[in-house]
Amino acid sequence: MVVAGLRRLVLLFVAVAAASALLGLLVGAATGSSLGRAVSVGLDLGGALLLVLGFFAGTRGPLRLGREGRVAPLPGASRIGWLDPDERGERLNLSALLIVVGLLVVVLGLVSDARVRLV
């Protein structure tokens, strides 16, 4: 089970990194930027987007409007319900996944940048 989860994590990382690099290449070709610089900026922006999405996914409140199975207290009032413990766990897991993959993509972008010397 752990191996299958790691395989899916690597597949997600590769897919996000490839999509970010491809978009960076397309924008770099349109702007006349160098190939390496375009890939690096694309990876950095893709990772930053995942970090922001992970932050917002983890900081949503515990109440939801329009929950199924809830009865409105007054006629015309919207249904409000609390998240179940399983739903809260899934939300935090999604947030952690997005942040981890975002950090990995940003690190890949930094490593691929020829202007930055890490060692």
C-alpha atoms as a PDB file:
ATOM      1  CA  MET A   1       0.000   0.000   0.000  1.00  0.00           C
ATOM      2  CA  VAL A   2       2.850   2.394   0.783  1.00  0.00           C
ATOM      3  CA  VAL A   3       4.567   1.554  -2.493  1.00  0.00           C
ATOM      4  CA  ALA A   4       1.378   2.271  -4.436  1.00  0.00           C
ATOM      5  CA  GLY A   5       1.002   5.607  -2.654  1.00  0.00           C
ATOM      6  CA  LEU A   6       4.611   6.573  -3.382  1.00  0.00           C
ATOM      7  CA  ARG A   7       4.118   5.566  -7.011  1.00  0.00           C
ATOM      8  CA  ARG A   8       1.077   7.852  -7.266  1.00  0.00           C
ATOM      9  CA  LEU A   9       3.003  10.679  -5.561  1.00  0.00           C
ATOM     10  CA  VAL A  10       5.874  10.347  -8.041  1.00  0.00           C
ATOM     11  CA  LEU A  11       3.420  10.195 -10.949  1.00  0.00           C
ATOM     12  CA  LEU A  12       1.703  13.363  -9.711  1.00  0.00           C
ATOM     13  CA  PHE A  13       5.063  15.110  -9.264  1.00  0.00           C
ATOM     14  CA  VAL A  14       6.208  14.143 -12.774  1.00  0.00           C
ATOM     15  CA  ALA A  15       2.906  15.224 -14.326  1.00  0.00           C
ATOM     16  CA  VAL A  16       2.923  18.614 -12.581  1.00  0.00           C
ATOM     17  CA  ALA A  17       6.601  19.199 -13.352  1.00  0.00           C
ATOM     18  CA  ALA A  18       6.144  18.252 -17.014  1.00  0.00           C
ATOM     19  CA  ALA A  19       3.074  20.470 -17.411  1.00  0.00           C
ATOM     20  CA  SER A  20       4.827  23.396 -15.709  1.00  0.00           C
ATOM     21  CA  ALA A  21       7.955  22.964 -17.824  1.00  0.00           C
ATOM     22  CA  LEU A  22       5.895  22.712 -21.030  1.00  0.00           C
ATOM     23  CA  LEU A  23       3.945  25.863 -20.211  1.00  0.00           C
ATOM     24  CA  GLY A  24       7.201  27.596 -19.335  1.00  0.00           C
ATOM     25  CA  LEU A  25       8.665  26.539 -22.677  1.00  0.00           C
ATOM     26  CA  LEU A  26       5.645  27.856 -24.557  1.00  0.00           C
ATOM     27  CA  VAL A  27       5.727  31.209 -22.781  1.00  0.00           C
ATOM     28  CA  GLY A  28       9.521  31.360 -23.127  1.00  0.00           C
ATOM     29  CA  ALA A  29       9.314  30.701 -26.854  1.00  0.00           C
ATOM     30  CA  ALA A  30       6.714  33.441 -27.220  1.00  0.00           C
ATOM     31  CA  THR A  31       8.819  35.948 -25.289  1.00  0.00           C
ATOM     32  CA  GLY A  32      12.199  34.950 -26.739  1.00  0.00           C
ATOM     33  CA  SER A  33      13.648  33.720 -23.456  1.00  0.00           C
ATOM     34  CA  SER A  34      16.343  31.061 -23.268  1.00  0.00           C
ATOM     35  CA  LEU A  35      15.283  27.425 -23.015  1.00  0.00           C
ATOM     36  CA  GLY A  36      16.752  26.777 -19.561  1.00  0.00           C
ATOM     37  CA  ARG A  37      15.417  29.998 -18.110  1.00  0.00           C
ATOM     38  CA  ALA A  38      11.914  29.321 -19.471  1.00  0.00           C
ATOM     39  CA  VAL A  39      11.825  25.829 -17.939  1.00  0.00           C
ATOM     40  CA  SER A  40      13.115  27.114 -14.611  1.00  0.00           C
ATOM     41  CA  VAL A  41      10.569  29.916 -14.391  1.00  0.00           C
ATOM     42  CA  GLY A  42       7.758  27.571 -15.450  1.00  0.00           C
ATOM     43  CA  LEU A  43       8.673  25.093 -12.713  1.00  0.00           C
ATOM     44  CA  ASP A  44       8.930  27.846 -10.106  1.00  0.00           C
ATOM     45  CA  LEU A  45       5.539  29.288 -11.040  1.00  0.00           C
ATOM     46  CA  GLY A  46       3.875  25.857 -11.151  1.00  0.00           C
ATOM     47  CA  GLY A  47       5.266  24.988  -7.717  1.00  0.00           C
ATOM     48  CA  ALA A  48       4.229  28.355  -6.292  1.00  0.00           C
ATOM     49  CA  LEU A  49       0.697  27.817  -7.607  1.00  0.00           C
ATOM     50  CA  LEU A  50       0.512  24.438  -5.863  1.00  0.00           C
ATOM     51  CA  LEU A  51       1.800  25.995  -2.630  1.00  0.00           C
ATOM     52  CA  VAL A  52      -0.922  28.648  -2.719  1.00  0.00           C
ATOM     53  CA  LEU A  53      -3.600  26.057  -3.524  1.00  0.00           C
ATOM     54  CA  GLY A  54      -2.356  23.872  -0.659  1.00  0.00           C
ATOM     55  CA  PHE A  55      -2.486  26.794   1.748  1.00  0.00           C
ATOM     56  CA  PHE A  56      -6.045  27.685   0.824  1.00  0.00           C
ATOM     57  CA  ALA A  57      -7.167  24.043   0.848  1.00  0.00           C
ATOM     58  CA  GLY A  58      -5.901  23.674   4.416  1.00  0.00           C
ATOM     59  CA  THR A  59      -7.327  26.895   5.827  1.00  0.00           C
ATOM     60  CA  ARG A  60     -10.966  26.515   4.832  1.00  0.00           C
ATOM     61  CA  GLY A  61     -13.382  26.706   7.739  1.00  0.00           C
ATOM     62  CA  PRO A  62     -15.263  23.732   9.204  1.00  0.00           C
ATOM     63  CA  LEU A  63     -18.730  24.887   8.057  1.00  0.00           C
ATOM     64  CA  ARG A  64     -20.236  24.230   4.634  1.00  0.00           C
ATOM     65  CA  LEU A  65     -23.362  25.617   3.033  1.00  0.00           C
ATOM     66  CA  GLY A  66     -25.905  23.345   1.394  1.00  0.00           C
ATOM     67  CA  ARG A  67     -24.923  20.107   3.128  1.00  0.00           C
ATOM     68  CA  GLU A  68     -26.949  17.057   2.116  1.00  0.00           C
ATOM     69  CA  GLY A  69     -29.212  15.590   4.763  1.00  0.00           C
ATOM     70  CA  ARG A  70     -29.361  18.762   6.865  1.00  0.00           C
ATOM     71  CA  VAL A  71     -32.667  20.473   7.567  1.00  0.00           C
ATOM     72  CA  ALA A  72     -32.848  24.251   7.437  1.00  0.00           C
ATOM     73  CA  PRO A  73     -33.903  25.702  10.810  1.00  0.00           C
ATOM     74  CA  LEU A  74     -36.258  28.242   9.202  1.00  0.00           C
ATOM     75  CA  PRO A  75     -38.068  28.300   5.868  1.00  0.00           C
ATOM     76  CA  GLY A  76     -35.880  29.989   3.264  1.00  0.00           C
ATOM     77  CA  ALA A  77     -32.697  29.576   5.319  1.00  0.00           C
ATOM     78  CA  SER A  78     -29.774  27.753   3.769  1.00  0.00           C
ATOM     79  CA  ARG A  79     -28.576  24.459   5.158  1.00  0.00           C
ATOM     80  CA  ILE A  80     -25.333  24.707   7.093  1.00  0.00           C
ATOM     81  CA  GLY A  81     -23.393  21.725   8.354  1.00  0.00           C
ATOM     82  CA  TRP A  82     -20.109  20.851   9.992  1.00  0.00           C
ATOM     83  CA  LEU A  83     -17.501  18.760   8.245  1.00  0.00           C
ATOM     84  CA  ASP A  84     -17.284  15.165   9.348  1.00  0.00           C
ATOM     85  CA  PRO A  85     -13.962  14.011  10.879  1.00  0.00           C
ATOM     86  CA  ASP A  86     -13.252  12.003   7.715  1.00  0.00           C
ATOM     87  CA  GLU A  87     -13.834  15.077   5.554  1.00  0.00           C
ATOM     88  CA  ARG A  88     -11.510  17.150   7.732  1.00  0.00           C
ATOM     89  CA  GLY A  89      -8.816  14.499   7.414  1.00  0.00           C
ATOM     90  CA  GLU A  90      -9.198  14.403   3.633  1.00  0.00           C
ATOM     91  CA  ARG A  91      -8.959  18.204   3.470  1.00  0.00           C
ATOM     92  CA  LEU A  92      -5.749  18.245   5.502  1.00  0.00           C
ATOM     93  CA  ASN A  93      -4.300  15.375   3.459  1.00  0.00           C
ATOM     94  CA  LEU A  94      -5.040  17.249   0.227  1.00  0.00           C
ATOM     95  CA  SER A  95      -3.393  20.355   1.645  1.00  0.00           C
ATOM     96  CA  ALA A  96      -0.282  18.418   2.675  1.00  0.00           C
ATOM     97  CA  LEU A  97      -0.087  16.702  -0.719  1.00  0.00           C
ATOM     98  CA  LEU A  98      -0.311  19.979  -2.627  1.00  0.00           C
ATOM     99  CA  ILE A  99       2.305  21.632  -0.419  1.00  0.00           C
ATOM    100  CA  VAL A 100       4.765  18.737  -0.658  1.00  0.00           C
ATOM    101  CA  VAL A 101       4.463  18.450  -4.440  1.00  0.00           C
ATOM    102  CA  GLY A 102       4.659  22.254  -4.764  1.00  0.00           C
ATOM    103  CA  LEU A 103       7.861  22.378  -2.721  1.00  0.00           C
ATOM    104  CA  LEU A 104       9.398  19.584  -4.786  1.00  0.00           C
ATOM    105  CA  VAL A 105       8.554  21.365  -8.045  1.00  0.00           C
ATOM    106  CA  VAL A 106      10.012  24.654  -6.737  1.00  0.00           C
ATOM    107  CA  VAL A 107      13.212  22.846  -5.693  1.00  0.00           C
ATOM    108  CA  LEU A 108      13.390  21.255  -9.146  1.00  0.00           C
ATOM    109  CA  GLY A 109      13.006  24.726 -10.659  1.00  0.00           C
ATOM    110  CA  LEU A 110      15.842  26.063  -8.515  1.00  0.00           C
ATOM    111  CA  VAL A 111      18.098  23.144  -9.395  1.00  0.00           C
ATOM    112  CA  SER A 112      17.404  23.550 -13.104  1.00  0.00           C
ATOM    113  CA  ASP A 113      18.208  27.280 -13.082  1.00  0.00           C
ATOM    114  CA  ALA A 114      21.680  27.800 -14.546  1.00  0.00           C
ATOM    115  CA  ARG A 115      22.012  31.250 -12.940  1.00  0.00           C
ATOM    116  CA  VAL A 116      21.827  29.830  -9.395  1.00  0.00           C
ATOM    117  CA  ARG A 117      24.785  27.913  -8.042  1.00  0.00           C
ATOM    118  CA  LEU A 118      23.728  25.660  -5.172  1.00  0.00           C
ATOM    119  CA  VAL A 119      27.147  24.301  -4.176  1.00  0.00           C
END
